[in-house]
PDB file of N, CA and C in Angstrom:
ATOM      1  N   UNK A   1     -10.691 -13.171   1.076  1.00  0.00           N
ATOM      2  CA  UNK A   1     -10.711 -12.054   0.153  1.00  0.00           C
ATOM      3  C   UNK A   1     -11.638 -12.298  -1.019  1.00  0.00           C
ATOM      4  N   UNK A   2     -11.748 -11.316  -1.833  1.00  0.00           N
ATOM      5  CA  UNK A   2     -12.529 -11.396  -3.052  1.00  0.00           C
ATOM      6  C   UNK A   2     -11.575 -11.430  -4.232  1.00  0.00           C
ATOM      7  N   UNK A   3     -12.032 -11.047  -5.378  1.00  0.00           N
ATOM      8  CA  UNK A   3     -11.173 -11.020  -6.556  1.00  0.00           C
ATOM      9  C   UNK A   3     -11.383  -9.718  -7.308  1.00  0.00           C
ATOM     10  N   UNK A   4     -11.232  -8.604  -6.618  1.00  0.00           N
ATOM     11  CA  UNK A   4     -11.492  -7.329  -7.286  1.00  0.00           C
ATOM     12  C   UNK A   4     -10.394  -6.980  -8.277  1.00  0.00           C
ATOM     13  N   UNK A   5      -9.185  -7.500  -8.078  1.00  0.00           N
ATOM     14  CA  UNK A   5      -8.098  -7.301  -9.018  1.00  0.00           C
ATOM     15  C   UNK A   5      -7.727  -5.842  -9.227  1.00  0.00           C
ATOM     16  N   UNK A   6      -6.934  -5.617 -10.272  1.00  0.00           N
ATOM     17  CA  UNK A   6      -6.445  -4.272 -10.570  1.00  0.00           C
ATOM     18  C   UNK A   6      -7.564  -3.303 -10.936  1.00  0.00           C
ATOM     19  N   UNK A   7      -8.529  -3.756 -11.710  1.00  0.00           N
ATOM     20  CA  UNK A   7      -9.599  -2.846 -12.140  1.00  0.00           C
ATOM     21  C   UNK A   7     -10.420  -2.342 -10.956  1.00  0.00           C
ATOM     22  N   UNK A   8     -10.762  -3.235 -10.045  1.00  0.00           N
ATOM     23  CA  UNK A   8     -11.505  -2.831  -8.856  1.00  0.00           C
ATOM     24  C   UNK A   8     -10.680  -1.919  -7.964  1.00  0.00           C
ATOM     25  N   UNK A   9      -9.385  -2.237  -7.837  1.00  0.00           N
ATOM     26  CA  UNK A   9      -8.503  -1.411  -7.010  1.00  0.00           C
ATOM     27  C   UNK A   9      -8.349  -0.020  -7.616  1.00  0.00           C
ATOM     28  N   UNK A  10      -8.291   0.061  -8.945  1.00  0.00           N
ATOM     29  CA  UNK A  10      -8.205   1.370  -9.607  1.00  0.00           C
ATOM     30  C   UNK A  10      -9.458   2.194  -9.317  1.00  0.00           C
ATOM     31  N   UNK A  11     -10.610   1.564  -9.398  1.00  0.00           N
ATOM     32  CA  UNK A  11     -11.866   2.272  -9.137  1.00  0.00           C
ATOM     33  C   UNK A  11     -11.909   2.798  -7.706  1.00  0.00           C
ATOM     34  N   UNK A  12     -11.456   1.988  -6.770  1.00  0.00           N
ATOM     35  CA  UNK A  12     -11.415   2.420  -5.372  1.00  0.00           C
ATOM     36  C   UNK A  12     -10.374   3.515  -5.191  1.00  0.00           C
ATOM     37  N   UNK A  13      -9.170   3.267  -5.680  1.00  0.00           N
ATOM     38  CA  UNK A  13      -8.070   4.212  -5.518  1.00  0.00           C
ATOM     39  C   UNK A  13      -8.375   5.584  -6.089  1.00  0.00           C
ATOM     40  N   UNK A  14      -8.973   5.600  -7.256  1.00  0.00           N
ATOM     41  CA  UNK A  14      -9.263   6.873  -7.916  1.00  0.00           C
ATOM     42  C   UNK A  14     -10.374   7.667  -7.240  1.00  0.00           C
ATOM     43  N   UNK A  15     -11.024   7.064  -6.265  1.00  0.00           N
ATOM     44  CA  UNK A  15     -12.087   7.759  -5.537  1.00  0.00           C
ATOM     45  C   UNK A  15     -11.761   7.974  -4.061  1.00  0.00           C
ATOM     46  N   UNK A  16     -10.509   7.778  -3.684  1.00  0.00           N
ATOM     47  CA  UNK A  16     -10.112   7.949  -2.282  1.00  0.00           C
ATOM     48  C   UNK A  16      -9.947   9.406  -1.876  1.00  0.00           C
ATOM     49  N   UNK A  17      -9.552  10.242  -2.821  1.00  0.00           N
ATOM     50  CA  UNK A  17      -9.313  11.651  -2.480  1.00  0.00           C
ATOM     51  C   UNK A  17     -10.559  12.271  -1.884  1.00  0.00           C
ATOM     52  N   UNK A  18     -10.348  12.913  -0.774  1.00  0.00           N
ATOM     53  CA  UNK A  18     -11.407  13.636  -0.079  1.00  0.00           C
ATOM     54  C   UNK A  18     -12.564  12.748   0.366  1.00  0.00           C
ATOM     55  N   UNK A  19     -12.339  11.414   0.405  1.00  0.00           N
ATOM     56  CA  UNK A  19     -13.368  10.531   0.966  1.00  0.00           C
ATOM     57  C   UNK A  19     -13.163  10.482   2.476  1.00  0.00           C
ATOM     58  N   UNK A  20     -14.141   9.980   3.206  1.00  0.00           N
ATOM     59  CA  UNK A  20     -14.028   9.906   4.659  1.00  0.00           C
ATOM     60  C   UNK A  20     -13.618   8.508   5.130  1.00  0.00           C
ATOM     61  N   UNK A  21     -13.269   7.614   4.216  1.00  0.00           N
ATOM     62  CA  UNK A  21     -12.847   6.256   4.578  1.00  0.00           C
ATOM     63  C   UNK A  21     -11.543   6.317   5.356  1.00  0.00           C
ATOM     64  N   UNK A  22     -11.506   5.668   6.516  1.00  0.00           N
ATOM     65  CA  UNK A  22     -10.308   5.659   7.341  1.00  0.00           C
ATOM     66  C   UNK A  22      -9.599   4.310   7.324  1.00  0.00           C
ATOM     67  N   UNK A  23     -10.342   3.231   7.075  1.00  0.00           N
ATOM     68  CA  UNK A  23      -9.761   1.886   7.029  1.00  0.00           C
ATOM     69  C   UNK A  23     -10.098   1.254   5.691  1.00  0.00           C
ATOM     70  N   UNK A  24      -9.068   0.819   4.983  1.00  0.00           N
ATOM     71  CA  UNK A  24      -9.256   0.154   3.694  1.00  0.00           C
ATOM     72  C   UNK A  24      -8.594  -1.209   3.761  1.00  0.00           C
ATOM     73  N   UNK A  25      -9.414  -2.263   3.735  1.00  0.00           N
ATOM     74  CA  UNK A  25      -8.938  -3.633   3.833  1.00  0.00           C
ATOM     75  C   UNK A  25      -9.211  -4.339   2.509  1.00  0.00           C
ATOM     76  N   UNK A  26      -8.150  -4.563   1.747  1.00  0.00           N
ATOM     77  CA  UNK A  26      -8.264  -5.236   0.455  1.00  0.00           C
ATOM     78  C   UNK A  26      -7.356  -6.466   0.415  1.00  0.00           C
ATOM     79  N   UNK A  27      -7.235  -7.162   1.546  1.00  0.00           N
ATOM     80  CA  UNK A  27      -6.355  -8.327   1.575  1.00  0.00           C
ATOM     81  C   UNK A  27      -6.888  -9.450   0.686  1.00  0.00           C
ATOM     82  N   UNK A  28      -5.956 -10.197   0.095  1.00  0.00           N
ATOM     83  CA  UNK A  28      -6.250 -11.360  -0.751  1.00  0.00           C
ATOM     84  C   UNK A  28      -7.268 -11.043  -1.846  1.00  0.00           C
ATOM     85  N   UNK A  29      -6.975 -10.066  -2.656  1.00  0.00           N
ATOM     86  CA  UNK A  29      -7.890  -9.648  -3.715  1.00  0.00           C
ATOM     87  C   UNK A  29      -7.266  -9.656  -5.103  1.00  0.00           C
ATOM     88  N   UNK A  30      -6.147 -10.319  -5.250  1.00  0.00           N
ATOM     89  CA  UNK A  30      -5.475 -10.440  -6.547  1.00  0.00           C
ATOM     90  C   UNK A  30      -5.174  -9.076  -7.167  1.00  0.00           C
ATOM     91  N   UNK A  31      -4.715  -8.138  -6.342  1.00  0.00           N
ATOM     92  CA  UNK A  31      -4.371  -6.802  -6.801  1.00  0.00           C
ATOM     93  C   UNK A  31      -2.883  -6.774  -7.160  1.00  0.00           C
ATOM     94  N   UNK A  32      -2.575  -6.276  -8.341  1.00  0.00           N
ATOM     95  CA  UNK A  32      -1.195  -6.149  -8.795  1.00  0.00           C
ATOM     96  C   UNK A  32      -0.701  -4.725  -8.652  1.00  0.00           C
ATOM     97  N   UNK A  33       0.423  -4.422  -9.307  1.00  0.00           N
ATOM     98  CA  UNK A  33       1.014  -3.098  -9.150  1.00  0.00           C
ATOM     99  C   UNK A  33       0.183  -1.989  -9.780  1.00  0.00           C
ATOM    100  N   UNK A  34      -0.571  -2.274 -10.827  1.00  0.00           N
ATOM    101  CA  UNK A  34      -1.385  -1.232 -11.462  1.00  0.00           C
ATOM    102  C   UNK A  34      -2.473  -0.723 -10.510  1.00  0.00           C
ATOM    103  N   UNK A  35      -3.182  -1.631  -9.884  1.00  0.00           N
ATOM    104  CA  UNK A  35      -4.213  -1.235  -8.925  1.00  0.00           C
ATOM    105  C   UNK A  35      -3.630  -0.547  -7.710  1.00  0.00           C
ATOM    106  N   UNK A  36      -2.462  -1.028  -7.285  1.00  0.00           N
ATOM    107  CA  UNK A  36      -1.804  -0.444  -6.124  1.00  0.00           C
ATOM    108  C   UNK A  36      -1.333   0.972  -6.409  1.00  0.00           C
ATOM    109  N   UNK A  37      -0.896   1.233  -7.640  1.00  0.00           N
ATOM    110  CA  UNK A  37      -0.481   2.591  -8.015  1.00  0.00           C
ATOM    111  C   UNK A  37      -1.642   3.572  -7.864  1.00  0.00           C
ATOM    112  N   UNK A  38      -2.838   3.165  -8.266  1.00  0.00           N
ATOM    113  CA  UNK A  38      -4.008   4.048  -8.143  1.00  0.00           C
ATOM    114  C   UNK A  38      -4.310   4.344  -6.682  1.00  0.00           C
ATOM    115  N   UNK A  39      -4.148   3.350  -5.825  1.00  0.00           N
ATOM    116  CA  UNK A  39      -4.360   3.562  -4.395  1.00  0.00           C
ATOM    117  C   UNK A  39      -3.253   4.459  -3.837  1.00  0.00           C
ATOM    118  N   UNK A  40      -1.997   4.116  -4.122  1.00  0.00           N
ATOM    119  CA  UNK A  40      -0.859   4.868  -3.605  1.00  0.00           C
ATOM    120  C   UNK A  40      -0.864   6.327  -4.027  1.00  0.00           C
ATOM    121  N   UNK A  41      -1.163   6.566  -5.279  1.00  0.00           N
ATOM    122  CA  UNK A  41      -1.126   7.932  -5.801  1.00  0.00           C
ATOM    123  C   UNK A  41      -2.239   8.819  -5.257  1.00  0.00           C
ATOM    124  N   UNK A  42      -3.210   8.225  -4.590  1.00  0.00           N
ATOM    125  CA  UNK A  42      -4.313   9.001  -4.034  1.00  0.00           C
ATOM    126  C   UNK A  42      -4.322   9.026  -2.508  1.00  0.00           C
ATOM    127  N   UNK A  43      -3.288   8.511  -1.883  1.00  0.00           N
ATOM    128  CA  UNK A  43      -3.231   8.471  -0.416  1.00  0.00           C
ATOM    129  C   UNK A  43      -3.077   9.851   0.205  1.00  0.00           C
ATOM    130  N   UNK A  44      -2.355  10.724  -0.459  1.00  0.00           N
ATOM    131  CA  UNK A  44      -2.031  12.030   0.129  1.00  0.00           C
ATOM    132  C   UNK A  44      -3.255  12.850   0.485  1.00  0.00           C
ATOM    133  N   UNK A  45      -4.279  12.778  -0.319  1.00  0.00           N
ATOM    134  CA  UNK A  45      -5.475  13.590  -0.073  1.00  0.00           C
ATOM    135  C   UNK A  45      -6.637  12.746   0.438  1.00  0.00           C
ATOM    136  N   UNK A  46      -6.309  11.595   1.013  1.00  0.00           N
ATOM    137  CA  UNK A  46      -7.354  10.730   1.567  1.00  0.00           C
ATOM    138  C   UNK A  46      -7.327  10.780   3.085  1.00  0.00           C
ATOM    139  N   UNK A  47      -8.309  10.142   3.714  1.00  0.00           N
ATOM    140  CA  UNK A  47      -8.384  10.053   5.180  1.00  0.00           C
ATOM    141  C   UNK A  47      -7.927   8.690   5.684  1.00  0.00           C
ATOM    142  N   UNK A  48      -7.376   7.863   4.796  1.00  0.00           N
ATOM    143  CA  UNK A  48      -6.988   6.496   5.147  1.00  0.00           C
ATOM    144  C   UNK A  48      -5.919   6.496   6.239  1.00  0.00           C
ATOM    145  N   UNK A  49      -6.226   5.790   7.329  1.00  0.00           N
ATOM    146  CA  UNK A  49      -5.271   5.622   8.422  1.00  0.00           C
ATOM    147  C   UNK A  49      -4.760   4.187   8.505  1.00  0.00           C
ATOM    148  N   UNK A  50      -5.584   3.241   8.060  1.00  0.00           N
ATOM    149  CA  UNK A  50      -5.208   1.828   8.065  1.00  0.00           C
ATOM    150  C   UNK A  50      -5.376   1.278   6.656  1.00  0.00           C
ATOM    151  N   UNK A  51      -4.283   0.752   6.091  1.00  0.00           N
ATOM    152  CA  UNK A  51      -4.309   0.168   4.746  1.00  0.00           C
ATOM    153  C   UNK A  51      -3.789  -1.252   4.820  1.00  0.00           C
ATOM    154  N   UNK A  52      -4.628  -2.206   4.435  1.00  0.00           N
ATOM    155  CA  UNK A  52      -4.269  -3.615   4.455  1.00  0.00           C
ATOM    156  C   UNK A  52      -4.349  -4.167   3.037  1.00  0.00           C
ATOM    157  N   UNK A  53      -3.184  -4.453   2.460  1.00  0.00           N
ATOM    158  CA  UNK A  53      -3.111  -5.062   1.131  1.00  0.00           C
ATOM    159  C   UNK A  53      -2.441  -6.434   1.200  1.00  0.00           C
ATOM    160  N   UNK A  54      -2.504  -7.065   2.358  1.00  0.00           N
ATOM    161  CA  UNK A  54      -1.882  -8.366   2.598  1.00  0.00           C
ATOM    162  C   UNK A  54      -2.323  -9.402   1.553  1.00  0.00           C
ATOM    163  N   UNK A  55      -1.358 -10.212   1.114  1.00  0.00           N
ATOM    164  CA  UNK A  55      -1.670 -11.366   0.276  1.00  0.00           C
ATOM    165  C   UNK A  55      -2.093 -11.042  -1.143  1.00  0.00           C
ATOM    166  N   UNK A  56      -1.652  -9.926  -1.669  1.00  0.00           N
ATOM    167  CA  UNK A  56      -1.913  -9.611  -3.073  1.00  0.00           C
ATOM    168  C   UNK A  56      -0.621  -9.846  -3.852  1.00  0.00           C
ATOM    169  N   UNK A  57      -0.461  -9.205  -4.967  1.00  0.00           N
ATOM    170  CA  UNK A  57       0.754  -9.369  -5.768  1.00  0.00           C
ATOM    171  C   UNK A  57       1.224  -8.006  -6.267  1.00  0.00           C
ATOM    172  N   UNK A  58       1.410  -7.091  -5.309  1.00  0.00           N
ATOM    173  CA  UNK A  58       1.717  -5.710  -5.678  1.00  0.00           C
ATOM    174  C   UNK A  58       3.145  -5.543  -6.175  1.00  0.00           C
ATOM    175  N   UNK A  59       4.052  -6.410  -5.763  1.00  0.00           N
ATOM    176  CA  UNK A  59       5.437  -6.351  -6.210  1.00  0.00           C
ATOM    177  C   UNK A  59       6.148  -5.072  -5.801  1.00  0.00           C
ATOM    178  N   UNK A  60       7.372  -4.907  -6.316  1.00  0.00           N
ATOM    179  CA  UNK A  60       8.185  -3.738  -5.986  1.00  0.00           C
ATOM    180  C   UNK A  60       7.543  -2.449  -6.487  1.00  0.00           C
ATOM    181  N   UNK A  61       6.946  -2.494  -7.669  1.00  0.00           N
ATOM    182  CA  UNK A  61       6.345  -1.282  -8.242  1.00  0.00           C
ATOM    183  C   UNK A  61       5.175  -0.777  -7.395  1.00  0.00           C
ATOM    184  N   UNK A  62       4.344  -1.683  -6.923  1.00  0.00           N
ATOM    185  CA  UNK A  62       3.235  -1.292  -6.053  1.00  0.00           C
ATOM    186  C   UNK A  62       3.721  -0.746  -4.727  1.00  0.00           C
ATOM    187  N   UNK A  63       4.756  -1.390  -4.176  1.00  0.00           N
ATOM    188  CA  UNK A  63       5.318  -0.933  -2.902  1.00  0.00           C
ATOM    189  C   UNK A  63       5.898   0.468  -3.045  1.00  0.00           C
ATOM    190  N   UNK A  64       6.522   0.744  -4.183  1.00  0.00           N
ATOM    191  CA  UNK A  64       7.072   2.083  -4.428  1.00  0.00           C
ATOM    192  C   UNK A  64       5.961   3.125  -4.476  1.00  0.00           C
ATOM    193  N   UNK A  65       4.849   2.788  -5.122  1.00  0.00           N
ATOM    194  CA  UNK A  65       3.733   3.729  -5.214  1.00  0.00           C
ATOM    195  C   UNK A  65       3.167   4.057  -3.837  1.00  0.00           C
ATOM    196  N   UNK A  66       3.106   3.063  -2.968  1.00  0.00           N
ATOM    197  CA  UNK A  66       2.656   3.303  -1.596  1.00  0.00           C
ATOM    198  C   UNK A  66       3.731   4.097  -0.843  1.00  0.00           C
ATOM    199  N   UNK A  67       4.969   3.624  -0.901  1.00  0.00           N
ATOM    200  CA  UNK A  67       6.068   4.233  -0.161  1.00  0.00           C
ATOM    201  C   UNK A  67       6.302   5.690  -0.499  1.00  0.00           C
ATOM    202  N   UNK A  68       6.252   6.011  -1.780  1.00  0.00           N
ATOM    203  CA  UNK A  68       6.509   7.385  -2.209  1.00  0.00           C
ATOM    204  C   UNK A  68       5.423   8.363  -1.796  1.00  0.00           C
ATOM    205  N   UNK A  69       4.314   7.846  -1.295  1.00  0.00           N
ATOM    206  CA  UNK A  69       3.217   8.712  -0.868  1.00  0.00           C
ATOM    207  C   UNK A  69       2.958   8.653   0.632  1.00  0.00           C
ATOM    208  N   UNK A  70       3.808   7.954   1.382  1.00  0.00           N
ATOM    209  CA  UNK A  70       3.603   7.812   2.830  1.00  0.00           C
ATOM    210  C   UNK A  70       3.762   9.118   3.588  1.00  0.00           C
ATOM    211  N   UNK A  71       4.749   9.907   3.231  1.00  0.00           N
ATOM    212  CA  UNK A  71       5.083  11.103   4.018  1.00  0.00           C
ATOM    213  C   UNK A  71       3.940  12.094   4.125  1.00  0.00           C
ATOM    214  N   UNK A  72       3.168  12.226   3.095  1.00  0.00           N
ATOM    215  CA  UNK A  72       2.088  13.214   3.122  1.00  0.00           C
ATOM    216  C   UNK A  72       0.721  12.557   3.290  1.00  0.00           C
ATOM    217  N   UNK A  73       0.716  11.297   3.721  1.00  0.00           N
ATOM    218  CA  UNK A  73      -0.548  10.600   3.955  1.00  0.00           C
ATOM    219  C   UNK A  73      -0.867  10.551   5.441  1.00  0.00           C
ATOM    220  N   UNK A  74      -2.048  10.034   5.775  1.00  0.00           N
ATOM    221  CA  UNK A  74      -2.471   9.872   7.166  1.00  0.00           C
ATOM    222  C   UNK A  74      -2.276   8.439   7.656  1.00  0.00           C
ATOM    223  N   UNK A  75      -1.632   7.597   6.852  1.00  0.00           N
ATOM    224  CA  UNK A  75      -1.485   6.174   7.164  1.00  0.00           C
ATOM    225  C   UNK A  75      -0.722   5.969   8.469  1.00  0.00           C
ATOM    226  N   UNK A  76      -1.347   5.203   9.381  1.00  0.00           N
ATOM    227  CA  UNK A  76      -0.716   4.837  10.647  1.00  0.00           C
ATOM    228  C   UNK A  76      -0.412   3.342  10.702  1.00  0.00           C
ATOM    229  N   UNK A  77      -1.257   2.535  10.055  1.00  0.00           N
ATOM    230  CA  UNK A  77      -1.067   1.087  10.032  1.00  0.00           C
ATOM    231  C   UNK A  77      -1.030   0.636   8.577  1.00  0.00           C
ATOM    232  N   UNK A  78       0.062  -0.038   8.217  1.00  0.00           N
ATOM    233  CA  UNK A  78       0.253  -0.496   6.841  1.00  0.00           C
ATOM    234  C   UNK A  78       0.631  -1.962   6.841  1.00  0.00           C
ATOM    235  N   UNK A  79      -0.152  -2.777   6.154  1.00  0.00           N
ATOM    236  CA  UNK A  79       0.126  -4.202   6.052  1.00  0.00           C
ATOM    237  C   UNK A  79       0.304  -4.557   4.577  1.00  0.00           C
ATOM    238  N   UNK A  80       1.552  -4.865   4.218  1.00  0.00           N
ATOM    239  CA  UNK A  80       1.875  -5.291   2.862  1.00  0.00           C
ATOM    240  C   UNK A  80       2.478  -6.694   2.866  1.00  0.00           C
ATOM    241  N   UNK A  81       2.172  -7.489   3.878  1.00  0.00           N
ATOM    242  CA  UNK A  81       2.726  -8.839   3.997  1.00  0.00           C
ATOM    243  C   UNK A  81       2.320  -9.706   2.809  1.00  0.00           C
ATOM    244  N   UNK A  82       3.235 -10.573   2.391  1.00  0.00           N
ATOM    245  CA  UNK A  82       2.937 -11.539   1.343  1.00  0.00           C
ATOM    246  C   UNK A  82       2.648 -10.924  -0.014  1.00  0.00           C
ATOM    247  N   UNK A  83       3.462  -9.960  -0.423  1.00  0.00           N
ATOM    248  CA  UNK A  83       3.219  -9.253  -1.676  1.00  0.00           C
ATOM    249  C   UNK A  83       4.390  -9.224  -2.636  1.00  0.00           C
ATOM    250  N   UNK A  84       5.441  -9.972  -2.358  1.00  0.00           N
ATOM    251  CA  UNK A  84       6.594 -10.056  -3.256  1.00  0.00           C
ATOM    252  C   UNK A  84       7.195  -8.672  -3.558  1.00  0.00           C
ATOM    253  N   UNK A  85       7.314  -7.834  -2.522  1.00  0.00           N
ATOM    254  CA  UNK A  85       7.842  -6.485  -2.767  1.00  0.00           C
ATOM    255  C   UNK A  85       9.367  -6.481  -2.876  1.00  0.00           C
ATOM    256  N   UNK A  86      10.030  -7.483  -2.304  1.00  0.00           N
ATOM    257  CA  UNK A  86      11.478  -7.608  -2.415  1.00  0.00           C
ATOM    258  C   UNK A  86      12.246  -6.444  -1.815  1.00  0.00           C
ATOM    259  N   UNK A  87      13.563  -6.470  -2.027  1.00  0.00           N
ATOM    260  CA  UNK A  87      14.450  -5.438  -1.485  1.00  0.00           C
ATOM    261  C   UNK A  87      14.120  -4.056  -2.025  1.00  0.00           C
ATOM    262  N   UNK A  88      13.854  -3.996  -3.323  1.00  0.00           N
ATOM    263  CA  UNK A  88      13.617  -2.711  -3.983  1.00  0.00           C
ATOM    264  C   UNK A  88      12.397  -1.989  -3.401  1.00  0.00           C
ATOM    265  N   UNK A  89      11.292  -2.702  -3.247  1.00  0.00           N
ATOM    266  CA  UNK A  89      10.090  -2.108  -2.674  1.00  0.00           C
ATOM    267  C   UNK A  89      10.261  -1.749  -1.215  1.00  0.00           C
ATOM    268  N   UNK A  90      10.955  -2.623  -0.472  1.00  0.00           N
ATOM    269  CA  UNK A  90      11.177  -2.384   0.958  1.00  0.00           C
ATOM    270  C   UNK A  90      12.029  -1.139   1.190  1.00  0.00           C
ATOM    271  N   UNK A  91      13.018  -0.918   0.322  1.00  0.00           N
ATOM    272  CA  UNK A  91      13.872   0.270   0.455  1.00  0.00           C
ATOM    273  C   UNK A  91      13.067   1.554   0.335  1.00  0.00           C
ATOM    274  N   UNK A  92      12.167   1.597  -0.637  1.00  0.00           N
ATOM    275  CA  UNK A  92      11.363   2.812  -0.832  1.00  0.00           C
ATOM    276  C   UNK A  92      10.449   3.041   0.366  1.00  0.00           C
ATOM    277  N   UNK A  93       9.841   1.976   0.869  1.00  0.00           N
ATOM    278  CA  UNK A  93       9.003   2.112   2.075  1.00  0.00           C
ATOM    279  C   UNK A  93       9.874   2.620   3.233  1.00  0.00           C
ATOM    280  N   UNK A  94      11.011   1.974   3.449  1.00  0.00           N
ATOM    281  CA  UNK A  94      11.900   2.353   4.543  1.00  0.00           C
ATOM    282  C   UNK A  94      12.384   3.787   4.464  1.00  0.00           C
ATOM    283  N   UNK A  95      12.712   4.217   3.273  1.00  0.00           N
ATOM    284  CA  UNK A  95      13.224   5.577   3.083  1.00  0.00           C
ATOM    285  C   UNK A  95      12.177   6.658   3.319  1.00  0.00           C
ATOM    286  N   UNK A  96      10.913   6.268   3.362  1.00  0.00           N
ATOM    287  CA  UNK A  96       9.841   7.246   3.553  1.00  0.00           C
ATOM    288  C   UNK A  96       9.167   7.159   4.917  1.00  0.00           C
ATOM    289  N   UNK A  97       9.704   6.345   5.808  1.00  0.00           N
ATOM    290  CA  UNK A  97       9.092   6.180   7.130  1.00  0.00           C
ATOM    291  C   UNK A  97       9.328   7.357   8.060  1.00  0.00           C
ATOM    292  N   UNK A  98      10.495   7.984   7.956  1.00  0.00           N
ATOM    293  CA  UNK A  98      10.899   8.990   8.934  1.00  0.00           C
ATOM    294  C   UNK A  98       9.865  10.102   9.121  1.00  0.00           C
ATOM    295  N   UNK A  99       9.343  10.649   8.082  1.00  0.00           N
ATOM    296  CA  UNK A  99       8.399  11.762   8.201  1.00  0.00           C
ATOM    297  C   UNK A  99       6.950  11.327   8.006  1.00  0.00           C
ATOM    298  N   UNK A 100       6.694  10.033   8.191  1.00  0.00           N
ATOM    299  CA  UNK A 100       5.327   9.529   8.051  1.00  0.00           C
ATOM    300  C   UNK A 100       4.672   9.372   9.431  1.00  0.00           C
ATOM    301  N   UNK A 101       3.402   8.973   9.437  1.00  0.00           N
ATOM    302  CA  UNK A 101       2.666   8.725  10.684  1.00  0.00           C
ATOM    303  C   UNK A 101       2.608   7.235  11.016  1.00  0.00           C
ATOM    304  N   UNK A 102       3.366   6.415  10.293  1.00  0.00           N
ATOM    305  CA  UNK A 102       3.320   4.959  10.472  1.00  0.00           C
ATOM    306  C   UNK A 102       3.678   4.568  11.905  1.00  0.00           C
ATOM    307  N   UNK A 103       2.782   3.775  12.517  1.00  0.00           N
ATOM    308  CA  UNK A 103       3.016   3.225  13.848  1.00  0.00           C
ATOM    309  C   UNK A 103       3.141   1.710  13.793  1.00  0.00           C
ATOM    310  N   UNK A 104       2.440   1.082  12.840  1.00  0.00           N
ATOM    311  CA  UNK A 104       2.460  -0.366  12.687  1.00  0.00           C
ATOM    312  C   UNK A 104       2.719  -0.705  11.230  1.00  0.00           C
ATOM    313  N   UNK A 105       3.747  -1.529  10.990  1.00  0.00           N
ATOM    314  CA  UNK A 105       4.138  -1.900   9.630  1.00  0.00           C
ATOM    315  C   UNK A 105       4.386  -3.390   9.567  1.00  0.00           C
ATOM    316  N   UNK A 106       3.723  -4.089   8.641  1.00  0.00           N
ATOM    317  CA  UNK A 106       3.932  -5.523   8.445  1.00  0.00           C
ATOM    318  C   UNK A 106       4.386  -5.762   7.005  1.00  0.00           C
ATOM    319  N   UNK A 107       5.649  -6.170   6.865  1.00  0.00           N
ATOM    320  CA  UNK A 107       6.214  -6.502   5.557  1.00  0.00           C
ATOM    321  C   UNK A 107       6.644  -7.968   5.502  1.00  0.00           C
ATOM    322  N   UNK A 108       6.057  -8.789   6.342  1.00  0.00           N
ATOM    323  CA  UNK A 108       6.425 -10.203   6.403  1.00  0.00           C
ATOM    324  C   UNK A 108       6.201 -10.933   5.091  1.00  0.00           C
ATOM    325  N   UNK A 109       6.947 -12.017   4.882  1.00  0.00           N
ATOM    326  CA  UNK A 109       6.817 -12.876   3.712  1.00  0.00           C
ATOM    327  C   UNK A 109       6.886 -12.103   2.392  1.00  0.00           C
ATOM    328  N   UNK A 110       7.951 -11.306   2.251  1.00  0.00           N
ATOM    329  CA  UNK A 110       8.127 -10.516   1.038  1.00  0.00           C
ATOM    330  C   UNK A 110       9.495 -10.702   0.381  1.00  0.00           C
ATOM    331  N   UNK A 111      10.251 -11.708   0.808  1.00  0.00           N
ATOM    332  CA  UNK A 111      11.578 -11.974   0.228  1.00  0.00           C
ATOM    333  C   UNK A 111      12.476 -10.742   0.276  1.00  0.00           C
ATOM    334  N   UNK A 112      12.557 -10.163   1.477  1.00  0.00           N
ATOM    335  CA  UNK A 112      13.389  -8.988   1.695  1.00  0.00           C
ATOM    336  C   UNK A 112      14.699  -9.443   2.312  1.00  0.00           C
ATOM    337  N   UNK A 113      15.815  -8.967   1.754  1.00  0.00           N
ATOM    338  CA  UNK A 113      17.146  -9.332   2.260  1.00  0.00           C
ATOM    339  C   UNK A 113      17.648  -8.322   3.285  1.00  0.00           C
ATOM    340  N   UNK A 114      18.925  -8.406   3.592  1.00  0.00           N
ATOM    341  CA  UNK A 114      19.546  -7.553   4.614  1.00  0.00           C
ATOM    342  C   UNK A 114      19.701  -6.105   4.155  1.00  0.00           C
ATOM    343  N   UNK A 115      19.742  -5.859   2.860  1.00  0.00           N
ATOM    344  CA  UNK A 115      19.921  -4.504   2.362  1.00  0.00           C
ATOM    345  C   UNK A 115      18.678  -3.694   2.593  1.00  0.00           C
TER     346      UNK A 115
END
């Protein structure tokens, strides 16, 4: 990965609407919840089908921003492995899967419990 961090992720996220990008791979880029919020909040009007944020530090807040926008997005493959999303972030993702297009989901290494 690179080190685009939150500022780079915000710049990308804020320009996703109505773009033709279908695959966005930002794994291992030191992105926190602020950058992830910009990406998540712009998913609904984007063409993104594959989103890979593996190995960042998005936490529960970043996972919520992605999860709360899944239903009206085009996302089919979502990789949030190794992001410390915990139970709270996983619940929001899980609660939004039913009406989404998700076919592949990786939440490994996120300290998620049985709840």
